[in-house]
Each structure stands twice: as structure tokens, then as C-alpha cells.
PDB file of N, CA and C in Angstrom:
ATOM      1  N   MET A   1      87.481 100.948  68.492  1.00  0.00           N
ATOM      2  CA  MET A   1      87.826 101.997  68.556  1.00  0.00           C
ATOM      3  C   MET A   1      87.018 103.129  68.370  1.00  0.00           C
ATOM      4  N   LYS A   2      86.839 104.390  69.208  1.00  0.00           N
ATOM      5  CA  LYS A   2      86.216 105.461  69.322  1.00  0.00           C
ATOM      6  C   LYS A   2      87.031 106.291  69.232  1.00  0.00           C
ATOM      7  N   CYS A   3      87.267 107.432  68.294  1.00  0.00           N
ATOM      8  CA  CYS A   3      87.840 108.423  67.780  1.00  0.00           C
ATOM      9  C   CYS A   3      87.338 109.873  67.968  1.00  0.00           C
ATOM     10  N   CYS A   4      88.020 110.865  68.484  1.00  0.00           N
ATOM     11  CA  CYS A   4      87.140 112.636  68.025  1.00  0.00           C
ATOM     12  C   CYS A   4      87.879 113.405  66.889  1.00  0.00           C
ATOM     13  N   LEU A   5      87.557 114.009  66.178  1.00  0.00           N
ATOM     14  CA  LEU A   5      88.639 114.867  65.561  1.00  0.00           C
ATOM     15  C   LEU A   5      87.528 115.972  65.933  1.00  0.00           C
ATOM     16  N   GLY A   6      88.699 117.438  65.736  1.00  0.00           N
ATOM     17  CA  GLY A   6      88.220 118.970  65.628  1.00  0.00           C
ATOM     18  C   GLY A   6      87.778 119.172  64.580  1.00  0.00           C
ATOM     19  N   LYS A   7      86.989 120.212  64.523  1.00  0.00           N
ATOM     20  CA  LYS A   7      87.145 120.765  62.466  1.00  0.00           C
ATOM     21  C   LYS A   7      87.725 120.919  62.376  1.00  0.00           C
ATOM     22  N   GLY A   8      87.705 120.347  60.814  1.00  0.00           N
ATOM     23  CA  GLY A   8      89.456 119.859  59.999  1.00  0.00           C
ATOM     24  C   GLY A   8      90.284 119.302  60.394  1.00  0.00           C
ATOM     25  N   GLU A   9      90.295 118.653  61.018  1.00  0.00           N
ATOM     26  CA  GLU A   9      91.039 117.781  61.483  1.00  0.00           C
ATOM     27  C   GLU A   9      90.866 116.400  60.635  1.00  0.00           C
ATOM     28  N   LEU A  10      91.837 115.751  59.871  1.00  0.00           N
ATOM     29  CA  LEU A  10      91.706 114.708  59.279  1.00  0.00           C
ATOM     30  C   LEU A  10      92.335 113.543  59.445  1.00  0.00           C
ATOM     31  N   THR A  11      92.309 113.291  59.710  1.00  0.00           N
ATOM     32  CA  THR A  11      93.122 111.002  59.975  1.00  0.00           C
ATOM     33  C   THR A  11      92.996 110.424  58.168  1.00  0.00           C
ATOM     34  N   GLN A  12      93.518 109.576  58.005  1.00  0.00           N
ATOM     35  CA  GLN A  12      93.433 108.409  57.100  1.00  0.00           C
ATOM     36  C   GLN A  12      93.188 106.859  57.711  1.00  0.00           C
ATOM     37  N   LEU A  13      92.272 106.609  56.755  1.00  0.00           N
ATOM     38  CA  LEU A  13      91.401 104.888  57.316  1.00  0.00           C
ATOM     39  C   LEU A  13      92.362 104.258  56.121  1.00  0.00           C
ATOM     40  N   THR A  14      92.852 102.662  57.086  1.00  0.00           N
ATOM     41  CA  THR A  14      92.681 101.343  55.642  1.00  0.00           C
ATOM     42  C   THR A  14      92.046 100.591  56.062  1.00  0.00           C
ATOM     43  N   GLY A  15      91.175  99.854  55.178  1.00  0.00           N
ATOM     44  CA  GLY A  15      90.591  98.748  55.643  1.00  0.00           C
ATOM     45  C   GLY A  15      91.110  97.107  56.008  1.00  0.00           C
ATOM     46  N   GLY A  16      92.683  96.993  55.633  1.00  0.00           N
ATOM     47  CA  GLY A  16      93.128  96.175  56.266  1.00  0.00           C
ATOM     48  C   GLY A  16      92.894  94.799  55.591  1.00  0.00           C
ATOM     49  N   ARG A  17      93.201  93.804  56.192  1.00  0.00           N
ATOM     50  CA  ARG A  17      92.628  92.339  55.566  1.00  0.00           C
ATOM     51  C   ARG A  17      91.007  91.831  55.468  1.00  0.00           C
ATOM     52  N   ARG A  18      90.202  92.723  56.357  1.00  0.00           N
ATOM     53  CA  ARG A  18      88.524  92.844  56.381  1.00  0.00           C
ATOM     54  C   ARG A  18      88.192  93.616  56.161  1.00  0.00           C
ATOM     55  N   GLY A  19      88.158  94.837  55.695  1.00  0.00           N
ATOM     56  CA  GLY A  19      87.696  96.191  55.785  1.00  0.00           C
ATOM     57  C   GLY A  19      87.384  96.711  57.158  1.00  0.00           C
ATOM     58  N   LEU A  20      86.814  98.262  56.868  1.00  0.00           N
ATOM     59  CA  LEU A  20      86.911  99.219  58.516  1.00  0.00           C
ATOM     60  C   LEU A  20      85.511  99.936  58.233  1.00  0.00           C
ATOM     61  N   ARG A  21      84.471  99.889  58.836  1.00  0.00           N
ATOM     62  CA  ARG A  21      83.189  99.910  58.479  1.00  0.00           C
ATOM     63  C   ARG A  21      83.867 101.783  60.289  1.00  0.00           C
ATOM     64  N   LEU A  22      82.946 102.973  59.530  1.00  0.00           N
ATOM     65  CA  LEU A  22      82.934 104.331  60.204  1.00  0.00           C
ATOM     66  C   LEU A  22      82.128 104.912  60.585  1.00  0.00           C
ATOM     67  N   ARG A  23      81.616 104.650  62.149  1.00  0.00           N
ATOM     68  CA  ARG A  23      80.465 104.934  62.294  1.00  0.00           C
ATOM     69  C   ARG A  23      79.977 106.186  63.208  1.00  0.00           C
ATOM     70  N   CYS A  24      80.036 107.156  62.520  1.00  0.00           N
ATOM     71  CA  CYS A  24      79.347 108.865  63.180  1.00  0.00           C
ATOM     72  C   CYS A  24      79.287 108.528  63.687  1.00  0.00           C
ATOM     73  N   LEU A  25      79.344 109.192  65.109  1.00  0.00           N
ATOM     74  CA  LEU A  25      78.405 109.325  66.597  1.00  0.00           C
ATOM     75  C   LEU A  25      78.062 110.660  66.924  1.00  0.00           C
ATOM     76  N   LYS A  26      78.463 111.526  66.407  1.00  0.00           N
ATOM     77  CA  LYS A  26      78.369 112.933  66.278  1.00  0.00           C
ATOM     78  C   LYS A  26      78.944 113.856  65.313  1.00  0.00           C
ATOM     79  N   GLY A  27      78.337 114.877  64.617  1.00  0.00           N
ATOM     80  CA  GLY A  27      79.040 115.803  63.680  1.00  0.00           C
ATOM     81  C   GLY A  27      78.490 115.276  62.832  1.00  0.00           C
ATOM     82  N   THR A  28      79.501 115.417  61.145  1.00  0.00           N
ATOM     83  CA  THR A  28      79.655 114.995  60.017  1.00  0.00           C
ATOM     84  C   THR A  28      80.936 114.939  60.171  1.00  0.00           C
ATOM     85  N   ILE A  29      81.579 113.465  58.599  1.00  0.00           N
ATOM     86  CA  ILE A  29      82.095 113.220  58.526  1.00  0.00           C
ATOM     87  C   ILE A  29      82.560 113.066  56.645  1.00  0.00           C
ATOM     88  N   TRP A  30      83.499 114.102  56.400  1.00  0.00           N
ATOM     89  CA  TRP A  30      83.761 114.073  54.768  1.00  0.00           C
ATOM     90  C   TRP A  30      84.872 112.888  54.536  1.00  0.00           C
ATOM     91  N   VAL A  31      84.446 112.374  54.025  1.00  0.00           N
ATOM     92  CA  VAL A  31      84.727 110.253  53.389  1.00  0.00           C
ATOM     93  C   VAL A  31      85.280 110.763  51.694  1.00  0.00           C
ATOM     94  N   THR A  32      87.164 110.896  51.901  1.00  0.00           N
ATOM     95  CA  THR A  32      87.259 109.974  49.927  1.00  0.00           C
ATOM     96  C   THR A  32      87.931 108.797  50.073  1.00  0.00           C
ATOM     97  N   THR A  33      87.709 108.177  49.404  1.00  0.00           N
ATOM     98  CA  THR A  33      88.824 106.887  48.615  1.00  0.00           C
ATOM     99  C   THR A  33      89.147 107.220  47.679  1.00  0.00           C
ATOM    100  N   GLY A  34      89.247 108.397  46.640  1.00  0.00           N
ATOM    101  CA  GLY A  34      89.822 108.779  46.233  1.00  0.00           C
ATOM    102  C   GLY A  34      89.183 108.023  44.566  1.00  0.00           C
ATOM    103  N   ASP A  35      88.147 107.489  44.636  1.00  0.00           N
ATOM    104  CA  ASP A  35      87.796 107.036  43.747  1.00  0.00           C
ATOM    105  C   ASP A  35      86.466 108.144  42.723  1.00  0.00           C
ATOM    106  N   GLY A  36      86.788 109.156  43.095  1.00  0.00           N
ATOM    107  CA  GLY A  36      86.343 110.914  42.833  1.00  0.00           C
ATOM    108  C   GLY A  36      84.815 110.719  42.979  1.00  0.00           C
ATOM    109  N   VAL A  37      83.984 110.022  44.242  1.00  0.00           N
ATOM    110  CA  VAL A  37      83.747 110.650  44.868  1.00  0.00           C
ATOM    111  C   VAL A  37      83.847 110.929  45.847  1.00  0.00           C
ATOM    112  N   ASP A  38      82.499 111.523  46.453  1.00  0.00           N
ATOM    113  CA  ASP A  38      83.049 112.294  48.161  1.00  0.00           C
ATOM    114  C   ASP A  38      81.844 111.948  48.982  1.00  0.00           C
ATOM    115  N   TYR A  39      81.835 111.765  50.259  1.00  0.00           N
ATOM    116  CA  TYR A  39      81.246 111.465  50.209  1.00  0.00           C
ATOM    117  C   TYR A  39      80.490 112.034  52.495  1.00  0.00           C
ATOM    118  N   LEU A  40      79.353 112.078  53.008  1.00  0.00           N
ATOM    119  CA  LEU A  40      79.931 112.985  53.718  1.00  0.00           C
ATOM    120  C   LEU A  40      78.624 111.474  54.680  1.00  0.00           C
ATOM    121  N   VAL A  41      79.079 111.247  55.347  1.00  0.00           N
ATOM    122  CA  VAL A  41      78.745 110.370  57.049  1.00  0.00           C
ATOM    123  C   VAL A  41      78.075 111.375  58.144  1.00  0.00           C
ATOM    124  N   GLN A  42      76.742 111.379  58.322  1.00  0.00           N
ATOM    125  CA  GLN A  42      76.191 112.145  59.635  1.00  0.00           C
ATOM    126  C   GLN A  42      76.024 111.439  60.802  1.00  0.00           C
ATOM    127  N   GLN A  43      75.796 112.199  61.819  1.00  0.00           N
ATOM    128  CA  GLN A  43      75.855 111.337  62.662  1.00  0.00           C
ATOM    129  C   GLN A  43      74.634 110.184  62.412  1.00  0.00           C
ATOM    130  N   GLY A  44      74.611 109.120  63.319  1.00  0.00           N
ATOM    131  CA  GLY A  44      73.961 108.159  63.178  1.00  0.00           C
ATOM    132  C   GLY A  44      74.104 107.121  61.716  1.00  0.00           C
ATOM    133  N   ASN A  45      74.813 107.945  61.170  1.00  0.00           N
ATOM    134  CA  ASN A  45      75.019 106.535  60.017  1.00  0.00           C
ATOM    135  C   ASN A  45      76.360 106.106  60.096  1.00  0.00           C
ATOM    136  N   SER A  46      76.569 105.543  58.840  1.00  0.00           N
ATOM    137  CA  SER A  46      78.198 104.673  58.625  1.00  0.00           C
ATOM    138  C   SER A  46      78.741 104.815  57.675  1.00  0.00           C
ATOM    139  N   PHE A  47      79.805 104.372  57.057  1.00  0.00           N
ATOM    140  CA  PHE A  47      80.451 103.988  55.788  1.00  0.00           C
ATOM    141  C   PHE A  47      81.098 102.681  55.922  1.00  0.00           C
ATOM    142  N   ASP A  48      81.227 102.359  55.337  1.00  0.00           N
ATOM    143  CA  ASP A  48      81.947 100.590  55.001  1.00  0.00           C
ATOM    144  C   ASP A  48      83.003 100.699  53.740  1.00  0.00           C
ATOM    145  N   LEU A  49      84.972 100.494  54.597  1.00  0.00           N
ATOM    146  CA  LEU A  49      85.812 100.875  53.591  1.00  0.00           C
ATOM    147  C   LEU A  49      86.165  99.472  53.513  1.00  0.00           C
ATOM    148  N   LYS A  50      86.668  99.288  51.936  1.00  0.00           N
ATOM    149  CA  LYS A  50      86.693  97.867  51.647  1.00  0.00           C
ATOM    150  C   LYS A  50      88.016  97.565  52.064  1.00  0.00           C
ATOM    151  N   ALA A  51      88.308  95.914  51.979  1.00  0.00           N
ATOM    152  CA  ALA A  51      89.399  95.610  52.290  1.00  0.00           C
ATOM    153  C   ALA A  51      90.315  95.616  51.488  1.00  0.00           C
ATOM    154  N   GLY A  52      91.603  96.499  52.248  1.00  0.00           N
ATOM    155  CA  GLY A  52      93.224  97.048  51.494  1.00  0.00           C
ATOM    156  C   GLY A  52      92.924  98.114  51.065  1.00  0.00           C
ATOM    157  N   ALA A  53      91.253  98.861  50.946  1.00  0.00           N
ATOM    158  CA  ALA A  53      91.314 100.294  50.625  1.00  0.00           C
ATOM    159  C   ALA A  53      91.960 100.972  50.939  1.00  0.00           C
ATOM    160  N   THR A  54      91.899 102.487  51.180  1.00  0.00           N
ATOM    161  CA  THR A  54      92.158 104.152  51.941  1.00  0.00           C
ATOM    162  C   THR A  54      91.689 104.420  51.801  1.00  0.00           C
ATOM    163  N   ALA A  55      91.597 105.629  52.630  1.00  0.00           N
ATOM    164  CA  ALA A  55      90.520 106.223  52.782  1.00  0.00           C
ATOM    165  C   ALA A  55      91.419 107.806  53.905  1.00  0.00           C
ATOM    166  N   LEU A  56      90.506 109.174  53.262  1.00  0.00           N
ATOM    167  CA  LEU A  56      91.076 110.553  54.185  1.00  0.00           C
ATOM    168  C   LEU A  56      89.524 110.467  54.476  1.00  0.00           C
ATOM    169  N   ALA A  57      89.421 110.884  55.624  1.00  0.00           N
ATOM    170  CA  ALA A  57      88.394 111.502  56.828  1.00  0.00           C
ATOM    171  C   ALA A  57      88.297 112.507  57.045  1.00  0.00           C
ATOM    172  N   GLU A  58      87.288 113.569  56.859  1.00  0.00           N
ATOM    173  CA  GLU A  58      87.799 115.034  57.842  1.00  0.00           C
ATOM    174  C   GLU A  58      86.752 115.380  58.166  1.00  0.00           C
ATOM    175  N   ALA A  59      86.629 116.063  59.636  1.00  0.00           N
ATOM    176  CA  ALA A  59      85.579 116.440  60.286  1.00  0.00           C
ATOM    177  C   ALA A  59      85.121 117.752  59.716  1.00  0.00           C
ATOM    178  N   LEU A  60      83.837 118.025  59.216  1.00  0.00           N
ATOM    179  CA  LEU A  60      83.317 119.345  59.079  1.00  0.00           C
ATOM    180  C   LEU A  60      82.625 120.046  60.091  1.00  0.00           C
ATOM    181  N   ASP A  61      82.524 119.581  60.998  1.00  0.00           N
ATOM    182  CA  ASP A  61      82.588 120.153  62.722  1.00  0.00           C
ATOM    183  C   ASP A  61      83.160 118.950  63.692  1.00  0.00           C
ATOM    184  N   THR A  62      82.510 119.754  64.680  1.00  0.00           N
ATOM    185  CA  THR A  62      83.821 118.483  65.530  1.00  0.00           C
ATOM    186  C   THR A  62      82.628 117.433  65.413  1.00  0.00           C
ATOM    187  N   ALA A  63      83.717 116.252  65.695  1.00  0.00           N
ATOM    188  CA  ALA A  63      83.046 114.970  65.198  1.00  0.00           C
ATOM    189  C   ALA A  63      83.813 114.199  65.935  1.00  0.00           C
ATOM    190  N   GLU A  64      83.134 112.801  66.490  1.00  0.00           N
ATOM    191  CA  GLU A  64      83.106 111.528  66.824  1.00  0.00           C
ATOM    192  C   GLU A  64      82.862 110.281  66.391  1.00  0.00           C
ATOM    193  N   MET A  65      83.613 109.504  66.380  1.00  0.00           N
ATOM    194  CA  MET A  65      83.498 108.210  65.167  1.00  0.00           C
ATOM    195  C   MET A  65      84.080 107.150  65.784  1.00  0.00           C
ATOM    196  N   ARG A  66      83.359 105.966  65.478  1.00  0.00           N
ATOM    197  CA  ARG A  66      84.193 104.252  65.724  1.00  0.00           C
ATOM    198  C   ARG A  66      84.357 103.867  64.655  1.00  0.00           C
ATOM    199  N   LEU A  67      85.032 102.835  64.656  1.00  0.00           N
ATOM    200  CA  LEU A  67      86.430 102.508  63.883  1.00  0.00           C
ATOM    201  C   LEU A  67      86.048 101.022  64.397  1.00  0.00           C
ATOM    202  N   GLU A  68      85.362 100.057  63.787  1.00  0.00           N
ATOM    203  CA  GLU A  68      84.801  98.868  63.875  1.00  0.00           C
ATOM    204  C   GLU A  68      85.046  98.007  62.599  1.00  0.00           C
ATOM    205  N   ALA A  69      84.776  95.816  63.268  1.00  0.00           N
ATOM    206  CA  ALA A  69      84.970  95.605  62.005  1.00  0.00           C
ATOM    207  C   ALA A  69      83.348  95.944  61.002  1.00  0.00           C
ATOM    208  N   PRO A  70      83.235  95.371  60.067  1.00  0.00           N
ATOM    209  CA  PRO A  70      82.380  95.656  58.934  1.00  0.00           C
ATOM    210  C   PRO A  70      81.297  94.419  59.537  1.00  0.00           C
ATOM    211  N   SER A  71      79.966  95.005  59.139  1.00  0.00           N
ATOM    212  CA  SER A  71      79.017  94.034  59.329  1.00  0.00           C
ATOM    213  C   SER A  71      78.052  93.581  57.531  1.00  0.00           C
ATOM    214  N   HIS A  72      77.507  92.906  57.244  1.00  0.00           N
ATOM    215  CA  HIS A  72      76.930  92.485  56.205  1.00  0.00           C
ATOM    216  C   HIS A  72      75.695  93.686  56.489  1.00  0.00           C
ATOM    217  N   GLU A  73      75.662  94.750  57.136  1.00  0.00           N
ATOM    218  CA  GLU A  73      74.202  95.265  56.584  1.00  0.00           C
ATOM    219  C   GLU A  73      74.513  95.963  55.732  1.00  0.00           C
ATOM    220  N   GLY A  74      73.306  97.343  55.553  1.00  0.00           N
ATOM    221  CA  GLY A  74      73.839  97.505  54.459  1.00  0.00           C
ATOM    222  C   GLY A  74      74.560  99.367  54.529  1.00  0.00           C
ATOM    223  N   THR A  75      74.806 100.432  54.309  1.00  0.00           N
ATOM    224  CA  THR A  75      75.350 101.171  54.684  1.00  0.00           C
ATOM    225  C   THR A  75      74.462 102.611  54.729  1.00  0.00           C
ATOM    226  N   ILE A  76      75.009 103.608  55.192  1.00  0.00           N
ATOM    227  CA  ILE A  76      74.066 104.945  55.015  1.00  0.00           C
ATOM    228  C   ILE A  76      74.593 106.035  54.823  1.00  0.00           C
ATOM    229  N   ILE A  77      75.047 106.354  53.350  1.00  0.00           N
ATOM    230  CA  ILE A  77      75.629 107.882  53.209  1.00  0.00           C
ATOM    231  C   ILE A  77      75.121 109.038  52.354  1.00  0.00           C
ATOM    232  N   ALA A  78      75.728 110.080  52.220  1.00  0.00           N
ATOM    233  CA  ALA A  78      75.354 110.760  50.972  1.00  0.00           C
ATOM    234  C   ALA A  78      76.230 111.565  50.238  1.00  0.00           C
ATOM    235  N   GLN A  79      76.119 111.038  49.060  1.00  0.00           N
ATOM    236  CA  GLN A  79      77.755 111.216  47.840  1.00  0.00           C
ATOM    237  C   GLN A  79      77.199 112.684  48.050  1.00  0.00           C
ATOM    238  N   VAL A  80      78.214 113.214  47.653  1.00  0.00           N
ATOM    239  CA  VAL A  80      78.307 114.999  47.876  1.00  0.00           C
ATOM    240  C   VAL A  80      78.693 115.110  46.071  1.00  0.00           C
ATOM    241  N   ALA A  81      79.964 114.928  45.659  1.00  0.00           N
ATOM    242  CA  ALA A  81      80.179 114.703  44.233  1.00  0.00           C
ATOM    243  C   ALA A  81      80.694 113.847  43.592  1.00  0.00           C
ATOM    244  N   VAL A  82      80.666 113.899  42.513  1.00  0.00           N
ATOM    245  CA  VAL A  82      81.471 112.910  40.966  1.00  0.00           C
ATOM    246  C   VAL A  82      82.694 114.080  41.062  1.00  0.00           C
ATOM    247  N   HIS A  83      84.038 113.307  40.750  1.00  0.00           N
ATOM    248  CA  HIS A  83      84.592 114.455  39.874  1.00  0.00           C
ATOM    249  C   HIS A  83      84.990 113.556  38.748  1.00  0.00           C
ATOM    250  N   PRO A  84      84.973 114.652  37.299  1.00  0.00           N
ATOM    251  CA  PRO A  84      85.415 113.615  36.382  1.00  0.00           C
ATOM    252  C   PRO A  84      86.802 113.568  36.017  1.00  0.00           C
TER     253      PRO A  84
END
């Protein structure tokens, strides 16, 4: 499923029973899963959400993403902050 987010727009993601892959097609998307770490997913990169997990995703600028079933390939993300 393809989604577009305007700058500052939030969406909640759910991993469901099999997990979920967020693939960033345009822009930069900030993702937090409540694990104390923030992630930046930039154009061309992806983020895998584990089965049963939830996350918030926010577009840092106009962004386009595709939500798909996860694969066994690695993911490319940037860790931005660790909160104590």
C-alpha cells in the first residue's frame, strides 16, 4: 500500500501478525517504536516493524512511503537518539 504524508503529518503503524516493512520512496520519515530509540528513514531506505509491534511515523518533509510485507533482507536506517 502506498501512502503520502505532508510535512509534520503523523500515522500509526502496526506490525500485525507477520510484521511490516515501511519503504521510504520520497522525503524523510521519523519513526519511533517506544524502545527509547528514534529512527530516520530516508528515500530509498526501509524500516522493518516486528510482528505485534506498533510505531509512530512522522514526515519531516513531504514524504511518500510504501507499506509491505517484510522480507529477509537487511534494513537501512539511521539511529538518531537514545533516550534514557
